[in-house]
Amino acid sequence: MKYMLLIWNRPGFTEELSEQDRTALFGEVDEIMKELTETGELIGGQALANPSQTLTVRLVDGSPDVLDGPFMESKEQFAGYLAVDCDTPQRAAEIAARWPDVRYGGAMEVRPIMDEAGTEM
């Protein structure tokens, strides 16, 4: 089963870390990515640009309205994602629990990816 691991973290938390802690954090990310590549579980993933570059599109009075900024107020920001192919949801959650952002007040949302038939709905 394929899972999307959505990375939510607190904006600017990495800038609050010492250079040593920041290097260690990114080193952990590299280790996890290497492991998932070697096991064949990694499908893909990307970090996202700063939320200040976000555009939100909503329908207002029947017409699209494009606004600057993320779509909701939150202490966390959607910072990126991993897509993994795991045997169980528990394995996907295990990977998410190891992501270093979680230790710094972030969260990882684990969501199954629907197949083309959409039977997961």
C-alpha atoms as a PDB file:
ATOM      1  CA  MET A   1       0.000   0.000   0.000  1.00  0.00           C
ATOM      2  CA  LYS A   2       1.234   3.494  -0.769  1.00  0.00           C
ATOM      3  CA  TYR A   3       1.194   6.214   1.883  1.00  0.00           C
ATOM      4  CA  MET A   4       1.756   9.948   1.816  1.00  0.00           C
ATOM      5  CA  LEU A   5       3.639  11.173   4.881  1.00  0.00           C
ATOM      6  CA  LEU A   6       2.811  14.862   5.214  1.00  0.00           C
ATOM      7  CA  ILE A   7       5.432  16.847   7.123  1.00  0.00           C
ATOM      8  CA  TRP A   8       4.060  19.600   9.357  1.00  0.00           C
ATOM      9  CA  ASN A   9       6.486  21.730  11.318  1.00  0.00           C
ATOM     10  CA  ARG A  10       6.786  25.023  13.089  1.00  0.00           C
ATOM     11  CA  PRO A  11       8.028  27.766  10.756  1.00  0.00           C
ATOM     12  CA  GLY A  12      11.612  28.796  11.463  1.00  0.00           C
ATOM     13  CA  PHE A  13      12.409  26.025  13.932  1.00  0.00           C
ATOM     14  CA  THR A  14      15.613  25.052  12.111  1.00  0.00           C
ATOM     15  CA  GLU A  15      16.961  28.602  12.415  1.00  0.00           C
ATOM     16  CA  GLU A  16      16.597  28.284  16.207  1.00  0.00           C
ATOM     17  CA  LEU A  17      18.918  25.270  16.268  1.00  0.00           C
ATOM     18  CA  SER A  18      22.667  25.443  16.686  1.00  0.00           C
ATOM     19  CA  GLU A  19      24.681  24.684  13.556  1.00  0.00           C
ATOM     20  CA  GLN A  20      25.640  21.333  15.108  1.00  0.00           C
ATOM     21  CA  ASP A  21      22.000  20.414  15.850  1.00  0.00           C
ATOM     22  CA  ARG A  22      20.871  21.547  12.387  1.00  0.00           C
ATOM     23  CA  THR A  23      23.607  19.430  10.762  1.00  0.00           C
ATOM     24  CA  ALA A  24      22.559  16.444  12.894  1.00  0.00           C
ATOM     25  CA  LEU A  25      18.886  16.910  11.977  1.00  0.00           C
ATOM     26  CA  PHE A  26      19.604  17.025   8.232  1.00  0.00           C
ATOM     27  CA  GLY A  27      21.956  14.057   8.671  1.00  0.00           C
ATOM     28  CA  GLU A  28      19.082  12.060  10.192  1.00  0.00           C
ATOM     29  CA  VAL A  29      16.858  12.971   7.252  1.00  0.00           C
ATOM     30  CA  ASP A  30      19.598  11.815   4.844  1.00  0.00           C
ATOM     31  CA  GLU A  31      19.920   8.495   6.750  1.00  0.00           C
ATOM     32  CA  ILE A  32      16.179   7.836   6.639  1.00  0.00           C
ATOM     33  CA  MET A  33      16.007   8.696   2.930  1.00  0.00           C
ATOM     34  CA  LYS A  34      18.978   6.413   2.186  1.00  0.00           C
ATOM     35  CA  GLU A  35      17.378   3.561   4.151  1.00  0.00           C
ATOM     36  CA  LEU A  36      14.024   3.959   2.393  1.00  0.00           C
ATOM     37  CA  THR A  37      15.768   4.070  -0.985  1.00  0.00           C
ATOM     38  CA  GLU A  38      17.701   0.889  -0.184  1.00  0.00           C
ATOM     39  CA  THR A  39      14.563  -0.960   1.002  1.00  0.00           C
ATOM     40  CA  GLY A  40      12.625   0.205  -2.051  1.00  0.00           C
ATOM     41  CA  GLU A  41       9.960   1.870   0.129  1.00  0.00           C
ATOM     42  CA  LEU A  42      10.663   5.427  -1.040  1.00  0.00           C
ATOM     43  CA  ILE A  43       8.491   6.528  -3.942  1.00  0.00           C
ATOM     44  CA  GLY A  44       9.300  10.237  -3.757  1.00  0.00           C
ATOM     45  CA  GLY A  45       9.240  13.357  -1.667  1.00  0.00           C
ATOM     46  CA  GLN A  46       9.945  17.057  -1.681  1.00  0.00           C
ATOM     47  CA  ALA A  47      10.324  19.949   0.687  1.00  0.00           C
ATOM     48  CA  LEU A  48       8.015  22.877   0.025  1.00  0.00           C
ATOM     49  CA  ALA A  49       8.939  26.552  -0.385  1.00  0.00           C
ATOM     50  CA  ASN A  50       8.231  29.041   2.386  1.00  0.00           C
ATOM     51  CA  PRO A  51       4.482  29.513   3.029  1.00  0.00           C
ATOM     52  CA  SER A  52       4.877  33.214   2.225  1.00  0.00           C
ATOM     53  CA  GLN A  53       5.044  32.135  -1.428  1.00  0.00           C
ATOM     54  CA  THR A  54       1.698  30.313  -1.211  1.00  0.00           C
ATOM     55  CA  LEU A  55      -1.371  31.220  -3.228  1.00  0.00           C
ATOM     56  CA  THR A  56      -4.827  30.020  -2.206  1.00  0.00           C
ATOM     57  CA  VAL A  57      -7.683  29.803  -4.676  1.00  0.00           C
ATOM     58  CA  ARG A  58     -11.291  29.866  -3.449  1.00  0.00           C
ATOM     59  CA  LEU A  59     -14.597  30.340  -5.160  1.00  0.00           C
ATOM     60  CA  VAL A  60     -16.157  33.652  -4.011  1.00  0.00           C
ATOM     61  CA  ASP A  61     -19.565  34.611  -5.387  1.00  0.00           C
ATOM     62  CA  GLY A  62     -19.116  32.118  -8.214  1.00  0.00           C
ATOM     63  CA  SER A  63     -15.715  33.419  -9.332  1.00  0.00           C
ATOM     64  CA  PRO A  64     -12.212  32.195  -8.472  1.00  0.00           C
ATOM     65  CA  ASP A  65     -10.484  34.446  -5.943  1.00  0.00           C
ATOM     66  CA  VAL A  66      -6.697  34.118  -5.636  1.00  0.00           C
ATOM     67  CA  LEU A  67      -5.246  35.146  -2.277  1.00  0.00           C
ATOM     68  CA  ASP A  68      -1.697  35.335  -1.003  1.00  0.00           C
ATOM     69  CA  GLY A  69      -0.772  32.949   1.767  1.00  0.00           C
ATOM     70  CA  PRO A  70      -1.742  29.531   3.054  1.00  0.00           C
ATOM     71  CA  PHE A  71      -5.380  28.533   3.236  1.00  0.00           C
ATOM     72  CA  MET A  72      -5.653  28.343   7.016  1.00  0.00           C
ATOM     73  CA  GLU A  73      -4.203  29.840  10.149  1.00  0.00           C
ATOM     74  CA  SER A  74      -2.046  27.363  12.003  1.00  0.00           C
ATOM     75  CA  LYS A  75       0.994  27.238  14.238  1.00  0.00           C
ATOM     76  CA  GLU A  76       2.414  24.597  11.909  1.00  0.00           C
ATOM     77  CA  GLN A  77       3.093  24.777   8.204  1.00  0.00           C
ATOM     78  CA  PHE A  78       2.863  22.042   5.593  1.00  0.00           C
ATOM     79  CA  ALA A  79       6.569  21.719   4.883  1.00  0.00           C
ATOM     80  CA  GLY A  80       6.858  18.757   2.553  1.00  0.00           C
ATOM     81  CA  TYR A  81       6.013  15.144   1.993  1.00  0.00           C
ATOM     82  CA  LEU A  82       7.343  11.649   1.484  1.00  0.00           C
ATOM     83  CA  ALA A  83       5.561   9.030  -0.547  1.00  0.00           C
ATOM     84  CA  VAL A  84       6.324   5.486   0.583  1.00  0.00           C
ATOM     85  CA  ASP A  85       5.176   2.012  -0.392  1.00  0.00           C
ATOM     86  CA  CYS A  86       4.915  -0.118   2.763  1.00  0.00           C
ATOM     87  CA  ASP A  87       3.376  -3.445   3.657  1.00  0.00           C
ATOM     88  CA  THR A  88       1.378  -2.029   6.571  1.00  0.00           C
ATOM     89  CA  PRO A  89       0.122   1.290   7.925  1.00  0.00           C
ATOM     90  CA  GLN A  90       2.139   0.541  11.059  1.00  0.00           C
ATOM     91  CA  ARG A  91       5.349   0.574   8.989  1.00  0.00           C
ATOM     92  CA  ALA A  92       4.381   3.935   7.473  1.00  0.00           C
ATOM     93  CA  ALA A  93       3.722   5.292  10.992  1.00  0.00           C
ATOM     94  CA  GLU A  94       7.075   3.902  12.158  1.00  0.00           C
ATOM     95  CA  ILE A  95       8.844   5.835   9.397  1.00  0.00           C
ATOM     96  CA  ALA A  96       6.887   8.986  10.279  1.00  0.00           C
ATOM     97  CA  ALA A  97       7.748   8.645  13.974  1.00  0.00           C
ATOM     98  CA  ARG A  98      11.463   8.651  13.124  1.00  0.00           C
ATOM     99  CA  TRP A  99      11.278  11.904  11.138  1.00  0.00           C
ATOM    100  CA  PRO A 100      13.296  14.447  13.160  1.00  0.00           C
ATOM    101  CA  ASP A 101      10.811  17.336  12.762  1.00  0.00           C
ATOM    102  CA  VAL A 102       8.478  15.436  15.101  1.00  0.00           C
ATOM    103  CA  ARG A 103      10.958  15.881  17.976  1.00  0.00           C
ATOM    104  CA  TYR A 104      10.934  19.645  17.390  1.00  0.00           C
ATOM    105  CA  GLY A 105       7.184  20.124  17.750  1.00  0.00           C
ATOM    106  CA  GLY A 106       6.199  19.078  14.245  1.00  0.00           C
ATOM    107  CA  ALA A 107       3.915  16.278  13.163  1.00  0.00           C
ATOM    108  CA  MET A 108       3.720  13.715  10.393  1.00  0.00           C
ATOM    109  CA  GLU A 109       0.335  12.915   8.917  1.00  0.00           C
ATOM    110  CA  VAL A 110       0.142   9.394   7.442  1.00  0.00           C
ATOM    111  CA  ARG A 111      -2.486   9.050   4.710  1.00  0.00           C
ATOM    112  CA  PRO A 112      -3.108   6.169   2.341  1.00  0.00           C
ATOM    113  CA  ILE A 113      -2.870   7.073  -1.326  1.00  0.00           C
ATOM    114  CA  MET A 114      -5.894   5.981  -3.312  1.00  0.00           C
ATOM    115  CA  ASP A 115      -5.322   3.725  -6.249  1.00  0.00           C
ATOM    116  CA  GLU A 116      -6.842   4.570  -9.601  1.00  0.00           C
ATOM    117  CA  ALA A 117     -10.095   2.751  -8.762  1.00  0.00           C
ATOM    118  CA  GLY A 118     -10.557   4.885  -5.642  1.00  0.00           C
ATOM    119  CA  THR A 119     -11.801   1.940  -3.614  1.00  0.00           C
ATOM    120  CA  GLU A 120     -10.172   3.373  -0.465  1.00  0.00           C
ATOM    121  CA  MET A 121     -12.889   6.042  -0.152  1.00  0.00           C
END
